[in-house]
Amino acid sequence: MKLSDFQKTIQCRFESCLKKVVRHVVKDYQQGLKRRKDKEIPFCELPEIVVEKLAVWDEYDSRYTFFNVCGNDIRICDDELAEALKHLSERNRENLLMYYFLEMSDTEIAKRQNISRKVYGVCKTE
């Protein structure tokens, strides 16, 4: 079937309009990519301190040894440290945990245990 001149004109106009639309869509897409490229930074180019803030680390209780001191659970990840703490007497272990992990002063520890400050035994360099 042969197209008339009018139909050819309509078809040419339609094809021309279609090509313009496709060119604009491609141009908009490329401009969007350029905008994203200008504003976004790949993870590999981020400073490590920023990546650390974005990271989420799973922590499981099974990886820790817990010591309860003054109603606080103190988690120890290092197995050697946990084992060494277990070998201490309960009083010395609590003193160390309060001093280093709860950041209590020697006066606070003595008051908590109702003993003289000189007796409780946390090593302090002076």
PDB file of N, CA and C in Angstrom:
ATOM      1  N   MET A   1       0.848  -1.172   0.000  1.00  0.00           N
ATOM      2  CA  MET A   1       0.000   0.000   0.000  1.00  0.00           C
ATOM      3  C   MET A   1       0.887   1.227   0.000  1.00  0.00           C
ATOM      4  N   LYS A   2       0.595   2.092  -0.896  1.00  0.00           N
ATOM      5  CA  LYS A   2       1.401   3.277  -1.084  1.00  0.00           C
ATOM      6  C   LYS A   2       0.808   4.432  -0.292  1.00  0.00           C
ATOM      7  N   LEU A   3       1.721   5.181   0.424  1.00  0.00           N
ATOM      8  CA  LEU A   3       1.265   6.304   1.230  1.00  0.00           C
ATOM      9  C   LEU A   3       1.082   7.541   0.373  1.00  0.00           C
ATOM     10  N   SER A   4       0.076   8.326   0.729  1.00  0.00           N
ATOM     11  CA  SER A   4      -0.141   9.582   0.017  1.00  0.00           C
ATOM     12  C   SER A   4       0.846  10.621   0.526  1.00  0.00           C
ATOM     13  N   ASP A   5       0.945  11.711  -0.192  1.00  0.00           N
ATOM     14  CA  ASP A   5       1.851  12.783   0.233  1.00  0.00           C
ATOM     15  C   ASP A   5       1.474  13.326   1.610  1.00  0.00           C
ATOM     16  N   PHE A   6       0.203  13.419   1.865  1.00  0.00           N
ATOM     17  CA  PHE A   6      -0.252  13.914   3.164  1.00  0.00           C
ATOM     18  C   PHE A   6       0.191  12.964   4.291  1.00  0.00           C
ATOM     19  N   GLN A   7       0.021  11.658   4.046  1.00  0.00           N
ATOM     20  CA  GLN A   7       0.417  10.665   5.050  1.00  0.00           C
ATOM     21  C   GLN A   7       1.932  10.677   5.267  1.00  0.00           C
ATOM     22  N   LYS A   8       2.687  10.870   4.160  1.00  0.00           N
ATOM     23  CA  LYS A   8       4.145  10.952   4.294  1.00  0.00           C
ATOM     24  C   LYS A   8       4.539  12.166   5.132  1.00  0.00           C
ATOM     25  N   THR A   9       3.852  13.285   4.905  1.00  0.00           N
ATOM     26  CA  THR A   9       4.129  14.503   5.666  1.00  0.00           C
ATOM     27  C   THR A   9       3.835  14.270   7.152  1.00  0.00           C
ATOM     28  N   ILE A  10       2.716  13.671   7.457  1.00  0.00           N
ATOM     29  CA  ILE A  10       2.345  13.379   8.846  1.00  0.00           C
ATOM     30  C   ILE A  10       3.376  12.439   9.474  1.00  0.00           C
ATOM     31  N   GLN A  11       3.772  11.405   8.723  1.00  0.00           N
ATOM     32  CA  GLN A  11       4.747  10.445   9.237  1.00  0.00           C
ATOM     33  C   GLN A  11       6.091  11.131   9.492  1.00  0.00           C
ATOM     34  N   CYS A  12       6.515  12.014   8.576  1.00  0.00           N
ATOM     35  CA  CYS A  12       7.785  12.731   8.763  1.00  0.00           C
ATOM     36  C   CYS A  12       7.720  13.641   9.982  1.00  0.00           C
ATOM     37  N   ARG A  13       6.609  14.337  10.165  1.00  0.00           N
ATOM     38  CA  ARG A  13       6.451  15.220  11.327  1.00  0.00           C
ATOM     39  C   ARG A  13       6.486  14.400  12.625  1.00  0.00           C
ATOM     40  N   PHE A  14       5.774  13.274  12.602  1.00  0.00           N
ATOM     41  CA  PHE A  14       5.756  12.419  13.786  1.00  0.00           C
ATOM     42  C   PHE A  14       7.164  11.927  14.114  1.00  0.00           C
ATOM     43  N   GLU A  15       7.890  11.460  13.098  1.00  0.00           N
ATOM     44  CA  GLU A  15       9.250  10.976  13.309  1.00  0.00           C
ATOM     45  C   GLU A  15      10.157  12.096  13.801  1.00  0.00           C
ATOM     46  N   SER A  16       9.991  13.294  13.269  1.00  0.00           N
ATOM     47  CA  SER A  16      10.783  14.448  13.695  1.00  0.00           C
ATOM     48  C   SER A  16      10.491  14.785  15.161  1.00  0.00           C
ATOM     49  N   CYS A  17       9.225  14.787  15.514  1.00  0.00           N
ATOM     50  CA  CYS A  17       8.821  15.071  16.897  1.00  0.00           C
ATOM     51  C   CYS A  17       9.357  13.978  17.825  1.00  0.00           C
ATOM     52  N   LEU A  18       9.254  12.735  17.388  1.00  0.00           N
ATOM     53  CA  LEU A  18       9.744  11.618  18.189  1.00  0.00           C
ATOM     54  C   LEU A  18      11.253  11.723  18.415  1.00  0.00           C
ATOM     55  N   LYS A  19      11.999  12.097  17.389  1.00  0.00           N
ATOM     56  CA  LYS A  19      13.457  12.250  17.504  1.00  0.00           C
ATOM     57  C   LYS A  19      13.803  13.378  18.483  1.00  0.00           C
ATOM     58  N   LYS A  20      13.023  14.481  18.433  1.00  0.00           N
ATOM     59  CA  LYS A  20      13.259  15.587  19.374  1.00  0.00           C
ATOM     60  C   LYS A  20      13.029  15.122  20.814  1.00  0.00           C
ATOM     61  N   VAL A  21      11.953  14.385  21.034  1.00  0.00           N
ATOM     62  CA  VAL A  21      11.637  13.893  22.380  1.00  0.00           C
ATOM     63  C   VAL A  21      12.755  12.979  22.866  1.00  0.00           C
ATOM     64  N   VAL A  22      13.206  12.078  22.015  1.00  0.00           N
ATOM     65  CA  VAL A  22      14.270  11.146  22.402  1.00  0.00           C
ATOM     66  C   VAL A  22      15.552  11.918  22.706  1.00  0.00           C
ATOM     67  N   ARG A  23      15.896  12.919  21.873  1.00  0.00           N
ATOM     68  CA  ARG A  23      17.098  13.727  22.132  1.00  0.00           C
ATOM     69  C   ARG A  23      17.003  14.438  23.477  1.00  0.00           C
ATOM     70  N   HIS A  24      15.834  14.993  23.792  1.00  0.00           N
ATOM     71  CA  HIS A  24      15.651  15.694  25.073  1.00  0.00           C
ATOM     72  C   HIS A  24      15.722  14.726  26.260  1.00  0.00           C
ATOM     73  N   VAL A  25      15.152  13.542  26.096  1.00  0.00           N
ATOM     74  CA  VAL A  25      15.222  12.554  27.162  1.00  0.00           C
ATOM     75  C   VAL A  25      16.676  12.160  27.408  1.00  0.00           C
ATOM     76  N   VAL A  26      17.420  11.915  26.350  1.00  0.00           N
ATOM     77  CA  VAL A  26      18.835  11.555  26.483  1.00  0.00           C
ATOM     78  C   VAL A  26      19.619  12.706  27.107  1.00  0.00           C
ATOM     79  N   LYS A  27      19.339  13.939  26.659  1.00  0.00           N
ATOM     80  CA  LYS A  27      20.030  15.109  27.207  1.00  0.00           C
ATOM     81  C   LYS A  27      19.730  15.265  28.705  1.00  0.00           C
ATOM     82  N   ASP A  28      18.447  15.117  29.095  1.00  0.00           N
ATOM     83  CA  ASP A  28      18.077  15.212  30.510  1.00  0.00           C
ATOM     84  C   ASP A  28      18.767  14.125  31.330  1.00  0.00           C
ATOM     85  N   TYR A  29      18.833  12.920  30.780  1.00  0.00           N
ATOM     86  CA  TYR A  29      19.484  11.811  31.476  1.00  0.00           C
ATOM     87  C   TYR A  29      20.970  12.106  31.681  1.00  0.00           C
ATOM     88  N   GLN A  30      21.626  12.590  30.638  1.00  0.00           N
ATOM     89  CA  GLN A  30      23.055  12.902  30.741  1.00  0.00           C
ATOM     90  C   GLN A  30      23.305  14.047  31.726  1.00  0.00           C
ATOM     91  N   GLN A  31      22.427  15.061  31.723  1.00  0.00           N
ATOM     92  CA  GLN A  31      22.575  16.161  32.678  1.00  0.00           C
ATOM     93  C   GLN A  31      22.371  15.658  34.112  1.00  0.00           C
ATOM     94  N   GLY A  32      21.422  14.755  34.305  1.00  0.00           N
ATOM     95  CA  GLY A  32      21.196  14.175  35.624  1.00  0.00           C
ATOM     96  C   GLY A  32      22.419  13.396  36.088  1.00  0.00           C
ATOM     97  N   LEU A  33      23.017  12.614  35.194  1.00  0.00           N
ATOM     98  CA  LEU A  33      24.241  11.893  35.541  1.00  0.00           C
ATOM     99  C   LEU A  33      25.362  12.855  35.919  1.00  0.00           C
ATOM    100  N   LYS A  34      25.484  13.952  35.180  1.00  0.00           N
ATOM    101  CA  LYS A  34      26.532  14.941  35.475  1.00  0.00           C
ATOM    102  C   LYS A  34      26.296  15.575  36.838  1.00  0.00           C
ATOM    103  N   ARG A  35      25.027  15.928  37.137  1.00  0.00           N
ATOM    104  CA  ARG A  35      24.712  16.512  38.447  1.00  0.00           C
ATOM    105  C   ARG A  35      25.052  15.537  39.564  1.00  0.00           C
ATOM    106  N   ARG A  36      24.675  14.274  39.377  1.00  0.00           N
ATOM    107  CA  ARG A  36      24.986  13.273  40.397  1.00  0.00           C
ATOM    108  C   ARG A  36      26.493  13.110  40.561  1.00  0.00           C
ATOM    109  N   LYS A  37      27.208  13.113  39.439  1.00  0.00           N
ATOM    110  CA  LYS A  37      28.665  12.950  39.503  1.00  0.00           C
ATOM    111  C   LYS A  37      29.307  14.113  40.248  1.00  0.00           C
ATOM    112  N   ASP A  38      28.778  15.326  40.040  1.00  0.00           N
ATOM    113  CA  ASP A  38      29.325  16.508  40.708  1.00  0.00           C
ATOM    114  C   ASP A  38      29.044  16.497  42.212  1.00  0.00           C
ATOM    115  N   LYS A  39      27.925  15.917  42.633  1.00  0.00           N
ATOM    116  CA  LYS A  39      27.517  15.961  44.037  1.00  0.00           C
ATOM    117  C   LYS A  39      27.872  14.700  44.816  1.00  0.00           C
ATOM    118  N   GLU A  40      28.059  13.572  44.154  1.00  0.00           N
ATOM    119  CA  GLU A  40      28.308  12.318  44.851  1.00  0.00           C
ATOM    120  C   GLU A  40      29.790  11.969  44.827  1.00  0.00           C
ATOM    121  N   ILE A  41      30.204  11.275  45.885  1.00  0.00           N
ATOM    122  CA  ILE A  41      31.585  10.824  46.001  1.00  0.00           C
ATOM    123  C   ILE A  41      31.555   9.309  46.192  1.00  0.00           C
ATOM    124  N   PRO A  42      32.344   8.578  45.440  1.00  0.00           N
ATOM    125  CA  PRO A  42      32.390   7.121  45.654  1.00  0.00           C
ATOM    126  C   PRO A  42      32.964   6.796  47.033  1.00  0.00           C
ATOM    127  N   PHE A  43      32.528   5.675  47.609  1.00  0.00           N
ATOM    128  CA  PHE A  43      33.011   5.266  48.927  1.00  0.00           C
ATOM    129  C   PHE A  43      34.528   5.141  48.947  1.00  0.00           C
ATOM    130  N   CYS A  44      35.105   4.675  47.847  1.00  0.00           N
ATOM    131  CA  CYS A  44      36.555   4.474  47.824  1.00  0.00           C
ATOM    132  C   CYS A  44      37.321   5.792  47.948  1.00  0.00           C
ATOM    133  N   GLU A  45      36.670   6.910  47.675  1.00  0.00           N
ATOM    134  CA  GLU A  45      37.334   8.213  47.777  1.00  0.00           C
ATOM    135  C   GLU A  45      37.044   8.928  49.098  1.00  0.00           C
ATOM    136  N   LEU A  46      36.178   8.356  49.936  1.00  0.00           N
ATOM    137  CA  LEU A  46      35.873   8.966  51.225  1.00  0.00           C
ATOM    138  C   LEU A  46      37.021   8.744  52.197  1.00  0.00           C
ATOM    139  N   PRO A  47      37.295   9.729  53.060  1.00  0.00           N
ATOM    140  CA  PRO A  47      38.312   9.508  54.093  1.00  0.00           C
ATOM    141  C   PRO A  47      37.862   8.384  55.034  1.00  0.00           C
ATOM    142  N   GLU A  48      38.818   7.668  55.583  1.00  0.00           N
ATOM    143  CA  GLU A  48      38.500   6.511  56.415  1.00  0.00           C
ATOM    144  C   GLU A  48      37.688   6.895  57.648  1.00  0.00           C
ATOM    145  N   ILE A  49      37.925   8.081  58.191  1.00  0.00           N
ATOM    146  CA  ILE A  49      37.190   8.509  59.388  1.00  0.00           C
ATOM    147  C   ILE A  49      35.697   8.662  59.076  1.00  0.00           C
ATOM    148  N   VAL A  50      35.348   9.093  57.866  1.00  0.00           N
ATOM    149  CA  VAL A  50      33.948   9.228  57.475  1.00  0.00           C
ATOM    150  C   VAL A  50      33.323   7.848  57.298  1.00  0.00           C
ATOM    151  N   VAL A  51      34.055   6.945  56.685  1.00  0.00           N
ATOM    152  CA  VAL A  51      33.547   5.592  56.482  1.00  0.00           C
ATOM    153  C   VAL A  51      33.318   4.910  57.830  1.00  0.00           C
ATOM    154  N   GLU A  52      34.211   5.140  58.794  1.00  0.00           N
ATOM    155  CA  GLU A  52      34.049   4.559  60.128  1.00  0.00           C
ATOM    156  C   GLU A  52      32.755   5.035  60.779  1.00  0.00           C
ATOM    157  N   LYS A  53      32.404   6.316  60.561  1.00  0.00           N
ATOM    158  CA  LYS A  53      31.167   6.838  61.139  1.00  0.00           C
ATOM    159  C   LYS A  53      29.934   6.209  60.493  1.00  0.00           C
ATOM    160  N   LEU A  54      30.050   5.843  59.215  1.00  0.00           N
ATOM    161  CA  LEU A  54      28.929   5.253  58.499  1.00  0.00           C
ATOM    162  C   LEU A  54      28.795   3.757  58.759  1.00  0.00           C
ATOM    163  N   ALA A  55      29.868   3.146  59.198  1.00  0.00           N
ATOM    164  CA  ALA A  55      29.874   1.693  59.387  1.00  0.00           C
ATOM    165  C   ALA A  55      29.082   1.292  60.620  1.00  0.00           C
ATOM    166  N   VAL A  56      28.504   0.130  60.546  1.00  0.00           N
ATOM    167  CA  VAL A  56      27.792  -0.450  61.672  1.00  0.00           C
ATOM    168  C   VAL A  56      28.427  -1.807  61.941  1.00  0.00           C
ATOM    169  N   TRP A  57      28.881  -1.992  63.148  1.00  0.00           N
ATOM    170  CA  TRP A  57      29.532  -3.242  63.520  1.00  0.00           C
ATOM    171  C   TRP A  57      28.593  -4.026  64.416  1.00  0.00           C
ATOM    172  N   ASP A  58      28.375  -5.265  64.066  1.00  0.00           N
ATOM    173  CA  ASP A  58      27.539  -6.140  64.889  1.00  0.00           C
ATOM    174  C   ASP A  58      28.333  -6.587  66.104  1.00  0.00           C
ATOM    175  N   GLU A  59      27.718  -6.490  67.247  1.00  0.00           N
ATOM    176  CA  GLU A  59      28.341  -6.945  68.475  1.00  0.00           C
ATOM    177  C   GLU A  59      27.439  -7.997  69.097  1.00  0.00           C
ATOM    178  N   TYR A  60      28.030  -9.139  69.368  1.00  0.00           N
ATOM    179  CA  TYR A  60      27.286 -10.235  69.950  1.00  0.00           C
ATOM    180  C   TYR A  60      27.772 -10.480  71.374  1.00  0.00           C
ATOM    181  N   ASP A  61      26.847 -10.718  72.258  1.00  0.00           N
ATOM    182  CA  ASP A  61      27.194 -10.936  73.666  1.00  0.00           C
ATOM    183  C   ASP A  61      28.101 -12.145  73.850  1.00  0.00           C
ATOM    184  N   SER A  62      28.023 -13.091  72.955  1.00  0.00           N
ATOM    185  CA  SER A  62      28.832 -14.299  73.107  1.00  0.00           C
ATOM    186  C   SER A  62      30.320 -14.016  72.938  1.00  0.00           C
ATOM    187  N   ARG A  63      30.665 -12.877  72.353  1.00  0.00           N
ATOM    188  CA  ARG A  63      32.064 -12.526  72.161  1.00  0.00           C
ATOM    189  C   ARG A  63      32.676 -11.891  73.408  1.00  0.00           C
ATOM    190  N   TYR A  64      31.878 -11.616  74.410  1.00  0.00           N
ATOM    191  CA  TYR A  64      32.349 -10.893  75.584  1.00  0.00           C
ATOM    192  C   TYR A  64      32.255 -11.756  76.843  1.00  0.00           C
ATOM    193  N   THR A  65      33.076 -11.389  77.801  1.00  0.00           N
ATOM    194  CA  THR A  65      32.954 -11.922  79.147  1.00  0.00           C
ATOM    195  C   THR A  65      32.402 -10.782  80.000  1.00  0.00           C
ATOM    196  N   PHE A  66      31.356 -11.056  80.753  1.00  0.00           N
ATOM    197  CA  PHE A  66      30.700 -10.010  81.536  1.00  0.00           C
ATOM    198  C   PHE A  66      31.089 -10.109  83.003  1.00  0.00           C
ATOM    199  N   PHE A  67      31.307  -8.939  83.591  1.00  0.00           N
ATOM    200  CA  PHE A  67      31.523  -8.828  85.030  1.00  0.00           C
ATOM    201  C   PHE A  67      30.531  -7.793  85.535  1.00  0.00           C
ATOM    202  N   ASN A  68      29.787  -8.153  86.575  1.00  0.00           N
ATOM    203  CA  ASN A  68      28.817  -7.222  87.132  1.00  0.00           C
ATOM    204  C   ASN A  68      29.447  -6.532  88.335  1.00  0.00           C
ATOM    205  N   VAL A  69      29.559  -5.209  88.241  1.00  0.00           N
ATOM    206  CA  VAL A  69      30.135  -4.406  89.321  1.00  0.00           C
ATOM    207  C   VAL A  69      29.229  -3.208  89.541  1.00  0.00           C
ATOM    208  N   CYS A  70      28.813  -3.025  90.766  1.00  0.00           N
ATOM    209  CA  CYS A  70      27.965  -1.874  91.144  1.00  0.00           C
ATOM    210  C   CYS A  70      26.712  -1.793  90.279  1.00  0.00           C
ATOM    211  N   GLY A  71      26.155  -2.920  89.916  1.00  0.00           N
ATOM    212  CA  GLY A  71      24.946  -2.923  89.097  1.00  0.00           C
ATOM    213  C   GLY A  71      25.201  -2.649  87.631  1.00  0.00           C
ATOM    214  N   ASN A  72      26.459  -2.553  87.224  1.00  0.00           N
ATOM    215  CA  ASN A  72      26.808  -2.317  85.823  1.00  0.00           C
ATOM    216  C   ASN A  72      27.446  -3.569  85.242  1.00  0.00           C
ATOM    217  N   ASP A  73      27.026  -3.940  84.050  1.00  0.00           N
ATOM    218  CA  ASP A  73      27.674  -5.040  83.345  1.00  0.00           C
ATOM    219  C   ASP A  73      28.850  -4.479  82.569  1.00  0.00           C
ATOM    220  N   ILE A  74      30.028  -4.987  82.857  1.00  0.00           N
ATOM    221  CA  ILE A  74      31.228  -4.554  82.156  1.00  0.00           C
ATOM    222  C   ILE A  74      31.602  -5.663  81.190  1.00  0.00           C
ATOM    223  N   ARG A  75      31.680  -5.316  79.905  1.00  0.00           N
ATOM    224  CA  ARG A  75      31.987  -6.290  78.872  1.00  0.00           C
ATOM    225  C   ARG A  75      33.475  -6.260  78.570  1.00  0.00           C
ATOM    226  N   ILE A  76      34.088  -7.419  78.617  1.00  0.00           N
ATOM    227  CA  ILE A  76      35.506  -7.546  78.300  1.00  0.00           C
ATOM    228  C   ILE A  76      35.607  -8.411  77.050  1.00  0.00           C
ATOM    229  N   CYS A  77      36.182  -7.861  75.999  1.00  0.00           N
ATOM    230  CA  CYS A  77      36.309  -8.583  74.728  1.00  0.00           C
ATOM    231  C   CYS A  77      37.571  -9.438  74.706  1.00  0.00           C
ATOM    232  N   ASP A  78      38.624  -8.957  75.300  1.00  0.00           N
ATOM    233  CA  ASP A  78      39.910  -9.647  75.290  1.00  0.00           C
ATOM    234  C   ASP A  78      39.861 -10.859  76.219  1.00  0.00           C
ATOM    235  N   ASP A  79      40.000 -12.050  75.647  1.00  0.00           N
ATOM    236  CA  ASP A  79      39.900 -13.285  76.436  1.00  0.00           C
ATOM    237  C   ASP A  79      41.005 -13.392  77.481  1.00  0.00           C
ATOM    238  N   GLU A  80      42.196 -12.947  77.139  1.00  0.00           N
ATOM    239  CA  GLU A  80      43.303 -13.033  78.093  1.00  0.00           C
ATOM    240  C   GLU A  80      43.064 -12.135  79.299  1.00  0.00           C
ATOM    241  N   LEU A  81      42.577 -10.923  79.040  1.00  0.00           N
ATOM    242  CA  LEU A  81      42.270 -10.005  80.139  1.00  0.00           C
ATOM    243  C   LEU A  81      41.153 -10.577  81.005  1.00  0.00           C
ATOM    244  N   ALA A  82      40.122 -11.111  80.367  1.00  0.00           N
ATOM    245  CA  ALA A  82      39.003 -11.692  81.127  1.00  0.00           C
ATOM    246  C   ALA A  82      39.488 -12.849  81.990  1.00  0.00           C
ATOM    247  N   GLU A  83      40.360 -13.676  81.451  1.00  0.00           N
ATOM    248  CA  GLU A  83      40.876 -14.811  82.218  1.00  0.00           C
ATOM    249  C   GLU A  83      41.719 -14.328  83.398  1.00  0.00           C
ATOM    250  N   ALA A  84      42.541 -13.293  83.161  1.00  0.00           N
ATOM    251  CA  ALA A  84      43.363 -12.737  84.251  1.00  0.00           C
ATOM    252  C   ALA A  84      42.478 -12.151  85.343  1.00  0.00           C
ATOM    253  N   LEU A  85      41.403 -11.464  84.947  1.00  0.00           N
ATOM    254  CA  LEU A  85      40.482 -10.896  85.932  1.00  0.00           C
ATOM    255  C   LEU A  85      39.785 -11.986  86.742  1.00  0.00           C
ATOM    256  N   LYS A  86      39.481 -13.101  86.114  1.00  0.00           N
ATOM    257  CA  LYS A  86      38.833 -14.206  86.823  1.00  0.00           C
ATOM    258  C   LYS A  86      39.741 -14.790  87.904  1.00  0.00           C
ATOM    259  N   HIS A  87      41.056 -14.719  87.682  1.00  0.00           N
ATOM    260  CA  HIS A  87      42.000 -15.284  88.650  1.00  0.00           C
ATOM    261  C   HIS A  87      42.232 -14.377  89.860  1.00  0.00           C
ATOM    262  N   LEU A  88      41.790 -13.128  89.774  1.00  0.00           N
ATOM    263  CA  LEU A  88      41.935 -12.220  90.917  1.00  0.00           C
ATOM    264  C   LEU A  88      40.871 -12.532  91.965  1.00  0.00           C
ATOM    265  N   SER A  89      41.137 -12.075  93.180  1.00  0.00           N
ATOM    266  CA  SER A  89      40.089 -12.202  94.202  1.00  0.00           C
ATOM    267  C   SER A  89      38.945 -11.265  93.801  1.00  0.00           C
ATOM    268  N   GLU A  90      37.766 -11.584  94.293  1.00  0.00           N
ATOM    269  CA  GLU A  90      36.592 -10.792  93.899  1.00  0.00           C
ATOM    270  C   GLU A  90      36.762  -9.320  94.268  1.00  0.00           C
ATOM    271  N   ARG A  91      37.318  -9.058  95.422  1.00  0.00           N
ATOM    272  CA  ARG A  91      37.509  -7.675  95.870  1.00  0.00           C
ATOM    273  C   ARG A  91      38.479  -6.927  94.957  1.00  0.00           C
ATOM    274  N   ASN A  92      39.622  -7.548  94.642  1.00  0.00           N
ATOM    275  CA  ASN A  92      40.586  -6.893  93.761  1.00  0.00           C
ATOM    276  C   ASN A  92      40.033  -6.709  92.348  1.00  0.00           C
ATOM    277  N   ARG A  93      39.299  -7.706  91.871  1.00  0.00           N
ATOM    278  CA  ARG A  93      38.687  -7.604  90.544  1.00  0.00           C
ATOM    279  C   ARG A  93      37.710  -6.435  90.507  1.00  0.00           C
ATOM    280  N   GLU A  94      36.864  -6.332  91.524  1.00  0.00           N
ATOM    281  CA  GLU A  94      35.904  -5.223  91.570  1.00  0.00           C
ATOM    282  C   GLU A  94      36.618  -3.882  91.657  1.00  0.00           C
ATOM    283  N   ASN A  95      37.675  -3.813  92.443  1.00  0.00           N
ATOM    284  CA  ASN A  95      38.451  -2.565  92.541  1.00  0.00           C
ATOM    285  C   ASN A  95      38.995  -2.149  91.181  1.00  0.00           C
ATOM    286  N   LEU A  96      39.609  -3.089  90.493  1.00  0.00           N
ATOM    287  CA  LEU A  96      40.165  -2.781  89.173  1.00  0.00           C
ATOM    288  C   LEU A  96      39.086  -2.365  88.175  1.00  0.00           C
ATOM    289  N   LEU A  97      37.996  -3.098  88.161  1.00  0.00           N
ATOM    290  CA  LEU A  97      36.912  -2.779  87.228  1.00  0.00           C
ATOM    291  C   LEU A  97      36.294  -1.421  87.527  1.00  0.00           C
ATOM    292  N   MET A  98      36.093  -1.122  88.807  1.00  0.00           N
ATOM    293  CA  MET A  98      35.544   0.194  89.161  1.00  0.00           C
ATOM    294  C   MET A  98      36.510   1.304  88.783  1.00  0.00           C
ATOM    295  N   TYR A  99      37.792   1.074  89.011  1.00  0.00           N
ATOM    296  CA  TYR A  99      38.789   2.123  88.763  1.00  0.00           C
ATOM    297  C   TYR A  99      38.995   2.361  87.258  1.00  0.00           C
ATOM    298  N   TYR A 100      39.201   1.302  86.499  1.00  0.00           N
ATOM    299  CA  TYR A 100      39.539   1.457  85.085  1.00  0.00           C
ATOM    300  C   TYR A 100      38.339   1.523  84.154  1.00  0.00           C
ATOM    301  N   PHE A 101      37.282   0.781  84.444  1.00  0.00           N
ATOM    302  CA  PHE A 101      36.162   0.733  83.520  1.00  0.00           C
ATOM    303  C   PHE A 101      35.028   1.675  83.903  1.00  0.00           C
ATOM    304  N   LEU A 102      34.793   1.826  85.204  1.00  0.00           N
ATOM    305  CA  LEU A 102      33.759   2.765  85.647  1.00  0.00           C
ATOM    306  C   LEU A 102      34.337   4.136  85.953  1.00  0.00           C
ATOM    307  N   GLU A 103      35.670   4.245  85.874  1.00  0.00           N
ATOM    308  CA  GLU A 103      36.401   5.499  86.079  1.00  0.00           C
ATOM    309  C   GLU A 103      36.064   6.152  87.422  1.00  0.00           C
ATOM    310  N   MET A 104      35.973   5.328  88.427  1.00  0.00           N
ATOM    311  CA  MET A 104      35.716   5.833  89.770  1.00  0.00           C
ATOM    312  C   MET A 104      37.052   6.175  90.424  1.00  0.00           C
ATOM    313  N   SER A 105      37.050   7.202  91.244  1.00  0.00           N
ATOM    314  CA  SER A 105      38.269   7.565  91.972  1.00  0.00           C
ATOM    315  C   SER A 105      38.462   6.591  93.129  1.00  0.00           C
ATOM    316  N   ASP A 106      39.679   6.598  93.697  1.00  0.00           N
ATOM    317  CA  ASP A 106      39.943   5.692  94.815  1.00  0.00           C
ATOM    318  C   ASP A 106      39.069   6.034  96.020  1.00  0.00           C
ATOM    319  N   THR A 107      38.735   7.301  96.189  1.00  0.00           N
ATOM    320  CA  THR A 107      37.854   7.710  97.285  1.00  0.00           C
ATOM    321  C   THR A 107      36.450   7.141  97.083  1.00  0.00           C
ATOM    322  N   GLU A 108      35.944   7.206  95.862  1.00  0.00           N
ATOM    323  CA  GLU A 108      34.612   6.676  95.562  1.00  0.00           C
ATOM    324  C   GLU A 108      34.562   5.159  95.777  1.00  0.00           C
ATOM    325  N   ILE A 109      35.635   4.479  95.379  1.00  0.00           N
ATOM    326  CA  ILE A 109      35.692   3.027  95.560  1.00  0.00           C
ATOM    327  C   ILE A 109      35.680   2.681  97.044  1.00  0.00           C
ATOM    328  N   ALA A 110      36.472   3.400  97.824  1.00  0.00           N
ATOM    329  CA  ALA A 110      36.526   3.143  99.271  1.00  0.00           C
ATOM    330  C   ALA A 110      35.163   3.382  99.913  1.00  0.00           C
ATOM    331  N   LYS A 111      34.483   4.462  99.535  1.00  0.00           N
ATOM    332  CA  LYS A 111      33.149   4.737 100.083  1.00  0.00           C
ATOM    333  C   LYS A 111      32.165   3.639  99.698  1.00  0.00           C
ATOM    334  N   ARG A 112      32.236   3.172  98.451  1.00  0.00           N
ATOM    335  CA  ARG A 112      31.331   2.143  97.958  1.00  0.00           C
ATOM    336  C   ARG A 112      31.500   0.846  98.760  1.00  0.00           C
ATOM    337  N   GLN A 113      32.737   0.537  99.135  1.00  0.00           N
ATOM    338  CA  GLN A 113      33.012  -0.705  99.845  1.00  0.00           C
ATOM    339  C   GLN A 113      33.055  -0.515 101.369  1.00  0.00           C
ATOM    340  N   ASN A 114      32.802   0.699 101.832  1.00  0.00           N
ATOM    341  CA  ASN A 114      32.809   1.011 103.263  1.00  0.00           C
ATOM    342  C   ASN A 114      34.125   0.623 103.933  1.00  0.00           C
ATOM    343  N   ILE A 115      35.213   0.993 103.289  1.00  0.00           N
ATOM    344  CA  ILE A 115      36.538   0.702 103.853  1.00  0.00           C
ATOM    345  C   ILE A 115      37.406   1.945 103.784  1.00  0.00           C
ATOM    346  N   SER A 116      38.524   1.900 104.482  1.00  0.00           N
ATOM    347  CA  SER A 116      39.480   2.997 104.456  1.00  0.00           C
ATOM    348  C   SER A 116      40.100   3.063 103.073  1.00  0.00           C
ATOM    349  N   ARG A 117      40.414   4.248 102.644  1.00  0.00           N
ATOM    350  CA  ARG A 117      40.977   4.459 101.322  1.00  0.00           C
ATOM    351  C   ARG A 117      42.308   3.729 101.154  1.00  0.00           C
ATOM    352  N   LYS A 118      43.074   3.575 102.207  1.00  0.00           N
ATOM    353  CA  LYS A 118      44.385   2.943 102.139  1.00  0.00           C
ATOM    354  C   LYS A 118      44.292   1.429 102.016  1.00  0.00           C
ATOM    355  N   VAL A 119      43.177   0.845 102.383  1.00  0.00           N
ATOM    356  CA  VAL A 119      43.057  -0.593 102.488  1.00  0.00           C
ATOM    357  C   VAL A 119      42.662  -1.255 101.169  1.00  0.00           C
ATOM    358  N   TYR A 120      41.887  -0.573 100.317  1.00  0.00           N
ATOM    359  CA  TYR A 120      41.219  -1.272  99.245  1.00  0.00           C
ATOM    360  C   TYR A 120      42.131  -1.799  98.145  1.00  0.00           C
ATOM    361  N   GLY A 121      43.313  -1.228  97.908  1.00  0.00           N
ATOM    362  CA  GLY A 121      44.317  -1.897  97.100  1.00  0.00           C
ATOM    363  C   GLY A 121      44.360  -1.606  95.617  1.00  0.00           C
ATOM    364  N   VAL A 122      43.797  -0.548  95.095  1.00  0.00           N
ATOM    365  CA  VAL A 122      44.006  -0.214  93.682  1.00  0.00           C
ATOM    366  C   VAL A 122      45.368   0.422  93.566  1.00  0.00           C
ATOM    367  N   CYS A 123      46.145  -0.078  92.634  1.00  0.00           N
ATOM    368  CA  CYS A 123      47.499   0.460  92.464  1.00  0.00           C
ATOM    369  C   CYS A 123      47.401   1.831  91.816  1.00  0.00           C
ATOM    370  N   LYS A 124      48.080   2.776  92.403  1.00  0.00           N
ATOM    371  CA  LYS A 124      48.060   4.134  91.870  1.00  0.00           C
ATOM    372  C   LYS A 124      49.474   4.659  91.946  1.00  0.00           C
ATOM    373  N   THR A 125      49.953   5.180  90.815  1.00  0.00           N
ATOM    374  CA  THR A 125      51.310   5.719  90.804  1.00  0.00           C
ATOM    375  C   THR A 125      51.269   7.169  91.269  1.00  0.00           C
ATOM    376  N   GLU A 126      52.162   7.505  92.145  1.00  0.00           N
ATOM    377  CA  GLU A 126      52.195   8.884  92.642  1.00  0.00           C
ATOM    378  C   GLU A 126      53.563   9.433  92.479  1.00  0.00           C
TER     379      GLU A 126
END
